[in-house]
């Protein structure tokens, strides 16, 4: 009888699966979207189940498992506000916009100006007119 060699077991199939799993670990480590410093695992589980009648007859199963790191979380920020009409809306926060600034859809904007052509909208005057 020859010595048991894991890489040759089951016609080399176990060794092949180990090689594939190691390659997956390498790729997971090299991927910049994954956490760099966290550990990865490769587990080889061999189960030996002898026959009840004859202990020389043993069924062996091999499972090769990897425990890789998931992709890094992607984060952003949202603004959740009421639109003043009873609806609560959310939108991704635009870092270029000022906090508290509200977007007015073009169809709702009243563009009357205070007697000049500067394009400045007097919102206070519009509010008084609406009241």
C-alpha atoms as a PDB file:
ATOM      1  CA  UNK A   1       0.000   0.000   0.000  1.00  0.00           C
ATOM      2  CA  UNK A   2       1.172   3.502  -0.849  1.00  0.00           C
ATOM      3  CA  UNK A   3       1.165   6.428   1.540  1.00  0.00           C
ATOM      4  CA  UNK A   4      -1.847   8.711   1.402  1.00  0.00           C
ATOM      5  CA  UNK A   5      -1.063  11.805  -0.674  1.00  0.00           C
ATOM      6  CA  UNK A   6      -3.749  14.490  -0.650  1.00  0.00           C
ATOM      7  CA  UNK A   7      -2.733  15.969  -4.004  1.00  0.00           C
ATOM      8  CA  UNK A   8      -3.143  12.536  -5.677  1.00  0.00           C
ATOM      9  CA  UNK A   9      -6.365  11.513  -3.913  1.00  0.00           C
ATOM     10  CA  UNK A  10      -9.422  10.730  -6.106  1.00  0.00           C
ATOM     11  CA  UNK A  11      -7.349  10.742  -9.256  1.00  0.00           C
ATOM     12  CA  UNK A  12      -5.942  14.205  -8.493  1.00  0.00           C
ATOM     13  CA  UNK A  13      -9.375  15.836  -8.218  1.00  0.00           C
ATOM     14  CA  UNK A  14      -8.784  16.989  -4.627  1.00  0.00           C
ATOM     15  CA  UNK A  15      -5.430  18.538  -5.577  1.00  0.00           C
ATOM     16  CA  UNK A  16      -7.096  20.297  -8.506  1.00  0.00           C
ATOM     17  CA  UNK A  17      -9.777  21.776  -6.237  1.00  0.00           C
ATOM     18  CA  UNK A  18      -7.137  22.933  -3.774  1.00  0.00           C
ATOM     19  CA  UNK A  19      -5.289  24.671  -6.603  1.00  0.00           C
ATOM     20  CA  UNK A  20      -8.490  26.413  -7.749  1.00  0.00           C
ATOM     21  CA  UNK A  21      -9.269  27.497  -4.175  1.00  0.00           C
ATOM     22  CA  UNK A  22      -5.761  28.896  -3.654  1.00  0.00           C
ATOM     23  CA  UNK A  23      -6.118  30.876  -6.893  1.00  0.00           C
ATOM     24  CA  UNK A  24      -9.424  32.309  -5.596  1.00  0.00           C
ATOM     25  CA  UNK A  25      -7.655  33.390  -2.395  1.00  0.00           C
ATOM     26  CA  UNK A  26      -4.869  35.059  -4.421  1.00  0.00           C
ATOM     27  CA  UNK A  27      -7.408  36.924  -6.579  1.00  0.00           C
ATOM     28  CA  UNK A  28      -9.399  38.005  -3.517  1.00  0.00           C
ATOM     29  CA  UNK A  29      -6.233  39.379  -1.897  1.00  0.00           C
ATOM     30  CA  UNK A  30      -5.167  41.215  -5.067  1.00  0.00           C
ATOM     31  CA  UNK A  31      -8.601  42.782  -5.695  1.00  0.00           C
ATOM     32  CA  UNK A  32      -8.504  46.456  -4.585  1.00  0.00           C
ATOM     33  CA  UNK A  33     -12.249  46.314  -3.803  1.00  0.00           C
ATOM     34  CA  UNK A  34     -11.630  43.873  -0.940  1.00  0.00           C
ATOM     35  CA  UNK A  35     -10.381  44.567   2.576  1.00  0.00           C
ATOM     36  CA  UNK A  36      -6.608  44.173   2.377  1.00  0.00           C
ATOM     37  CA  UNK A  37      -5.629  43.233   5.912  1.00  0.00           C
ATOM     38  CA  UNK A  38      -8.322  40.705   6.838  1.00  0.00           C
ATOM     39  CA  UNK A  39      -7.555  36.991   6.760  1.00  0.00           C
ATOM     40  CA  UNK A  40      -8.771  34.549   4.150  1.00  0.00           C
ATOM     41  CA  UNK A  41      -9.223  30.841   4.873  1.00  0.00           C
ATOM     42  CA  UNK A  42      -8.908  27.664   2.905  1.00  0.00           C
ATOM     43  CA  UNK A  43     -10.361  24.590   4.585  1.00  0.00           C
ATOM     44  CA  UNK A  44      -9.901  21.014   3.441  1.00  0.00           C
ATOM     45  CA  UNK A  45     -12.330  18.681   5.150  1.00  0.00           C
ATOM     46  CA  UNK A  46     -11.830  14.947   4.844  1.00  0.00           C
ATOM     47  CA  UNK A  47     -14.524  12.648   6.181  1.00  0.00           C
ATOM     48  CA  UNK A  48     -13.723   8.956   6.703  1.00  0.00           C
ATOM     49  CA  UNK A  49     -16.708   6.636   7.122  1.00  0.00           C
ATOM     50  CA  UNK A  50     -15.833   2.966   7.649  1.00  0.00           C
ATOM     51  CA  UNK A  51     -18.296   0.269   6.746  1.00  0.00           C
ATOM     52  CA  UNK A  52     -20.161  -1.265   9.714  1.00  0.00           C
ATOM     53  CA  UNK A  53     -19.246  -4.820   8.792  1.00  0.00           C
ATOM     54  CA  UNK A  54     -15.749  -4.413   7.423  1.00  0.00           C
ATOM     55  CA  UNK A  55     -13.447  -1.710   8.774  1.00  0.00           C
ATOM     56  CA  UNK A  56     -11.140  -2.073   5.795  1.00  0.00           C
ATOM     57  CA  UNK A  57     -13.795  -0.560   3.477  1.00  0.00           C
ATOM     58  CA  UNK A  58     -13.865   3.205   4.080  1.00  0.00           C
ATOM     59  CA  UNK A  59     -15.797   5.855   2.178  1.00  0.00           C
ATOM     60  CA  UNK A  60     -13.861   9.116   2.052  1.00  0.00           C
ATOM     61  CA  UNK A  61     -15.251  12.482   1.003  1.00  0.00           C
ATOM     62  CA  UNK A  62     -13.234  15.630   0.522  1.00  0.00           C
ATOM     63  CA  UNK A  63     -14.600  19.162   0.594  1.00  0.00           C
ATOM     64  CA  UNK A  64     -12.469  22.193  -0.206  1.00  0.00           C
ATOM     65  CA  UNK A  65     -13.926  25.486   1.062  1.00  0.00           C
ATOM     66  CA  UNK A  66     -12.725  29.053   0.948  1.00  0.00           C
ATOM     67  CA  UNK A  67     -13.683  31.920   3.215  1.00  0.00           C
ATOM     68  CA  UNK A  68     -12.934  35.076   1.257  1.00  0.00           C
ATOM     69  CA  UNK A  69     -13.446  38.733   2.087  1.00  0.00           C
ATOM     70  CA  UNK A  70     -16.512  40.451   0.663  1.00  0.00           C
ATOM     71  CA  UNK A  71     -16.168  43.620  -1.345  1.00  0.00           C
ATOM     72  CA  UNK A  72     -15.638  46.802   0.634  1.00  0.00           C
ATOM     73  CA  UNK A  73     -18.786  48.673   1.553  1.00  0.00           C
ATOM     74  CA  UNK A  74     -19.632  51.641  -0.625  1.00  0.00           C
ATOM     75  CA  UNK A  75     -20.967  54.605   1.283  1.00  0.00           C
ATOM     76  CA  UNK A  76     -22.649  57.844   0.433  1.00  0.00           C
ATOM     77  CA  UNK A  77     -24.974  60.254   2.174  1.00  0.00           C
ATOM     78  CA  UNK A  78     -28.634  61.046   1.597  1.00  0.00           C
ATOM     79  CA  UNK A  79     -30.866  63.969   2.454  1.00  0.00           C
ATOM     80  CA  UNK A  80     -34.402  63.111   3.564  1.00  0.00           C
ATOM     81  CA  UNK A  81     -36.842  66.032   3.763  1.00  0.00           C
ATOM     82  CA  UNK A  82     -40.478  66.921   3.348  1.00  0.00           C
ATOM     83  CA  UNK A  83     -41.411  68.658   0.122  1.00  0.00           C
ATOM     84  CA  UNK A  84     -43.926  70.828   1.988  1.00  0.00           C
ATOM     85  CA  UNK A  85     -46.848  68.966   0.405  1.00  0.00           C
ATOM     86  CA  UNK A  86     -46.945  66.049   2.846  1.00  0.00           C
ATOM     87  CA  UNK A  87     -44.484  63.884   0.918  1.00  0.00           C
ATOM     88  CA  UNK A  88     -41.155  62.770   2.303  1.00  0.00           C
ATOM     89  CA  UNK A  89     -38.454  62.532  -0.338  1.00  0.00           C
ATOM     90  CA  UNK A  90     -34.890  61.335  -0.304  1.00  0.00           C
ATOM     91  CA  UNK A  91     -31.985  62.041  -2.610  1.00  0.00           C
ATOM     92  CA  UNK A  92     -28.290  61.411  -2.563  1.00  0.00           C
ATOM     93  CA  UNK A  93     -26.459  64.332  -1.033  1.00  0.00           C
ATOM     94  CA  UNK A  94     -24.489  66.293  -3.585  1.00  0.00           C
ATOM     95  CA  UNK A  95     -21.219  67.382  -2.003  1.00  0.00           C
ATOM     96  CA  UNK A  96     -21.206  70.411  -4.321  1.00  0.00           C
ATOM     97  CA  UNK A  97     -24.553  71.708  -2.994  1.00  0.00           C
ATOM     98  CA  UNK A  98     -24.989  73.654   0.214  1.00  0.00           C
ATOM     99  CA  UNK A  99     -26.713  71.977   3.160  1.00  0.00           C
ATOM    100  CA  UNK A 100     -30.347  73.078   3.481  1.00  0.00           C
ATOM    101  CA  UNK A 101     -30.530  74.183  -0.133  1.00  0.00           C
ATOM    102  CA  UNK A 102     -33.706  72.998  -1.812  1.00  0.00           C
ATOM    103  CA  UNK A 103     -34.097  72.246  -5.500  1.00  0.00           C
ATOM    104  CA  UNK A 104     -37.158  73.764  -7.145  1.00  0.00           C
ATOM    105  CA  UNK A 105     -38.324  71.925 -10.251  1.00  0.00           C
ATOM    106  CA  UNK A 106     -38.463  74.262 -13.293  1.00  0.00           C
ATOM    107  CA  UNK A 107     -42.204  73.750 -13.822  1.00  0.00           C
ATOM    108  CA  UNK A 108     -42.937  74.932 -10.257  1.00  0.00           C
ATOM    109  CA  UNK A 109     -40.603  77.922 -10.298  1.00  0.00           C
ATOM    110  CA  UNK A 110     -42.230  81.328 -10.617  1.00  0.00           C
ATOM    111  CA  UNK A 111     -39.596  83.474 -12.273  1.00  0.00           C
ATOM    112  CA  UNK A 112     -41.097  86.930 -11.797  1.00  0.00           C
ATOM    113  CA  UNK A 113     -38.368  89.382 -10.893  1.00  0.00           C
ATOM    114  CA  UNK A 114     -38.551  92.645  -8.979  1.00  0.00           C
ATOM    115  CA  UNK A 115     -38.642  95.025 -11.921  1.00  0.00           C
ATOM    116  CA  UNK A 116     -35.103  94.369 -13.040  1.00  0.00           C
ATOM    117  CA  UNK A 117     -33.543  92.139 -15.641  1.00  0.00           C
ATOM    118  CA  UNK A 118     -30.916  90.692 -13.325  1.00  0.00           C
ATOM    119  CA  UNK A 119     -32.723  87.364 -13.013  1.00  0.00           C
ATOM    120  CA  UNK A 120     -32.936  87.678  -9.204  1.00  0.00           C
ATOM    121  CA  UNK A 121     -36.134  86.171  -7.839  1.00  0.00           C
ATOM    122  CA  UNK A 122     -37.667  87.844  -4.785  1.00  0.00           C
ATOM    123  CA  UNK A 123     -38.978  84.786  -2.923  1.00  0.00           C
ATOM    124  CA  UNK A 124     -40.214  86.872   0.012  1.00  0.00           C
ATOM    125  CA  UNK A 125     -42.439  88.917  -2.320  1.00  0.00           C
ATOM    126  CA  UNK A 126     -43.769  85.722  -3.892  1.00  0.00           C
ATOM    127  CA  UNK A 127     -44.530  84.280  -0.459  1.00  0.00           C
ATOM    128  CA  UNK A 128     -46.449  87.446   0.559  1.00  0.00           C
ATOM    129  CA  UNK A 129     -48.368  87.323  -2.733  1.00  0.00           C
ATOM    130  CA  UNK A 130     -49.340  83.663  -2.122  1.00  0.00           C
ATOM    131  CA  UNK A 131     -50.631  84.440   1.383  1.00  0.00           C
END
